[in-house]
């Protein structure tokens, strides 16, 4: 089961994923959105949708800001969450992370088929 810890999402990852997806879904509330759908990670985490959970998961006393770098511990958790979202066992939003940018990735028909098969 040691290998499972790398693919199974923790409750914190699921909460963070849901909050980040909500923030990214409200692009009109974000200033830094690229044409390819990538949003600045710091701004996503500092948004009204993700900030409460992101600050709760970060080191005590962390205050997130769109103008500041994402703290290393939170960046690591985001990376783990993105990697978990790339697995077939994930039941949440899927993400792509590129440097300091993140975007939602649309589920493909193959992903939907795999999800349906897993539910049977």
Protein backbone atom coordinates (compact mmCIF):
# COMPACT_ATOMS: atom_id res chain seq x y z
CA UNK A 1 0.00 0.00 0.00
CA UNK A 2 2.99 2.30 0.08
CA UNK A 3 2.51 3.04 -3.63
CA UNK A 4 -1.15 3.88 -3.01
CA UNK A 5 -0.23 6.96 -0.99
CA UNK A 6 1.06 8.58 -4.17
CA UNK A 7 -2.19 8.05 -6.09
CA UNK A 8 -4.93 8.21 -3.46
CA UNK A 9 -6.00 11.76 -2.74
CA UNK A 10 -6.14 12.97 0.83
CA UNK A 11 -9.22 14.83 2.11
CA UNK A 12 -7.11 18.02 2.09
CA UNK A 13 -6.21 17.50 -1.57
CA UNK A 14 -9.86 16.98 -2.44
CA UNK A 15 -10.87 20.17 -0.63
CA UNK A 16 -8.06 22.13 -2.25
CA UNK A 17 -8.88 20.74 -5.70
CA UNK A 18 -12.54 21.69 -5.37
CA UNK A 19 -11.63 25.21 -4.23
CA UNK A 20 -9.06 25.71 -7.01
CA UNK A 21 -11.53 24.45 -9.61
CA UNK A 22 -14.14 26.88 -8.32
CA UNK A 23 -11.65 29.77 -8.51
CA UNK A 24 -10.52 28.84 -12.03
CA UNK A 25 -14.16 28.51 -13.12
CA UNK A 26 -14.68 32.16 -12.18
CA UNK A 27 -12.09 33.59 -14.58
CA UNK A 28 -13.92 36.92 -14.58
CA UNK A 29 -12.70 37.34 -10.98
CA UNK A 30 -9.05 36.67 -11.93
CA UNK A 31 -6.72 39.24 -13.44
CA UNK A 32 -3.98 36.92 -14.70
CA UNK A 33 -5.57 34.49 -17.17
CA UNK A 34 -3.71 33.46 -20.29
CA UNK A 35 -5.33 32.72 -23.64
CA UNK A 36 -4.63 28.99 -23.19
CA UNK A 37 -6.64 28.89 -19.96
CA UNK A 38 -3.72 28.92 -17.52
CA UNK A 39 -4.28 31.12 -14.46
CA UNK A 40 -1.61 32.44 -12.10
CA UNK A 41 -1.44 29.98 -9.22
CA UNK A 42 -0.86 32.64 -6.55
CA UNK A 43 -3.99 34.48 -7.66
CA UNK A 44 -6.05 31.28 -7.76
CA UNK A 45 -4.97 30.36 -4.22
CA UNK A 46 -5.57 33.91 -2.95
CA UNK A 47 -9.07 34.05 -4.47
CA UNK A 48 -12.18 34.10 -2.33
CA UNK A 49 -12.88 30.51 -3.39
CA UNK A 50 -9.54 28.92 -2.49
CA UNK A 51 -8.00 31.21 0.11
CA UNK A 52 -9.73 29.81 3.23
CA UNK A 53 -8.70 26.19 2.58
CA UNK A 54 -5.29 27.15 1.15
CA UNK A 55 -4.40 29.24 4.21
CA UNK A 56 -5.68 26.50 6.53
CA UNK A 57 -3.39 23.99 4.80
CA UNK A 58 -0.35 26.30 4.71
CA UNK A 59 2.03 26.93 7.59
CA UNK A 60 0.43 28.70 10.56
CA UNK A 61 0.23 32.46 10.07
CA UNK A 62 0.41 32.25 6.26
CA UNK A 63 -1.53 35.01 4.50
CA UNK A 64 -1.86 34.46 0.77
CA UNK A 65 -1.62 37.24 -1.78
CA UNK A 66 -1.79 37.24 -5.56
CA UNK A 67 1.34 39.43 -5.56
CA UNK A 68 3.47 37.06 -3.46
CA UNK A 69 5.09 33.73 -4.27
CA UNK A 70 3.18 30.65 -3.13
CA UNK A 71 4.77 29.28 0.07
CA UNK A 72 6.86 26.16 -0.56
CA UNK A 73 4.73 23.88 1.63
CA UNK A 74 1.55 24.90 -0.16
CA UNK A 75 3.22 24.67 -3.56
CA UNK A 76 4.20 21.09 -2.71
CA UNK A 77 0.61 20.25 -1.75
CA UNK A 78 -0.68 21.81 -4.98
CA UNK A 79 1.84 19.71 -6.94
CA UNK A 80 0.71 16.55 -5.15
CA UNK A 81 -2.91 17.46 -5.83
CA UNK A 82 -2.21 18.01 -9.53
CA UNK A 83 -0.34 14.69 -9.74
CA UNK A 84 -3.22 12.92 -7.98
CA UNK A 85 -5.66 14.49 -10.45
CA UNK A 86 -3.74 12.83 -13.28
CA UNK A 87 -4.45 9.32 -11.97
CA UNK A 88 -7.32 7.07 -12.90
CA UNK A 89 -8.39 6.82 -9.26
CA UNK A 90 -9.11 10.55 -8.92
CA UNK A 91 -12.75 11.58 -8.49
CA UNK A 92 -12.34 15.33 -8.76
CA UNK A 93 -11.28 18.12 -11.06
CA UNK A 94 -8.23 17.50 -13.22
CA UNK A 95 -5.46 20.06 -13.42
CA UNK A 96 -2.33 20.91 -15.35
CA UNK A 97 0.44 22.85 -13.59
CA UNK A 98 3.13 24.73 -15.50
CA UNK A 99 5.59 26.74 -13.41
CA UNK A 100 3.42 29.24 -11.52
CA UNK A 101 0.37 28.67 -13.72
CA UNK A 102 -2.51 26.21 -13.36
CA UNK A 103 -5.54 25.29 -15.44
CA UNK A 104 -8.43 22.90 -15.38
CA UNK A 105 -8.18 20.06 -17.86
CA UNK A 106 -11.36 18.79 -19.46
CA UNK A 107 -12.08 15.12 -18.85
CA UNK A 108 -11.91 13.05 -22.02
CA UNK A 109 -14.36 10.38 -23.08
CA UNK A 110 -11.76 7.78 -22.07
CA UNK A 111 -11.64 9.32 -18.58
CA UNK A 112 -15.43 9.16 -18.35
CA UNK A 113 -15.41 5.51 -19.48
CA UNK A 114 -12.76 4.67 -16.87
CA UNK A 115 -14.81 6.43 -14.17
CA UNK A 116 -17.94 4.52 -15.21
CA UNK A 117 -16.06 1.21 -15.17
CA UNK A 118 -14.62 1.98 -11.73
CA UNK A 119 -18.13 2.60 -10.36
CA UNK A 120 -19.41 -0.83 -11.53
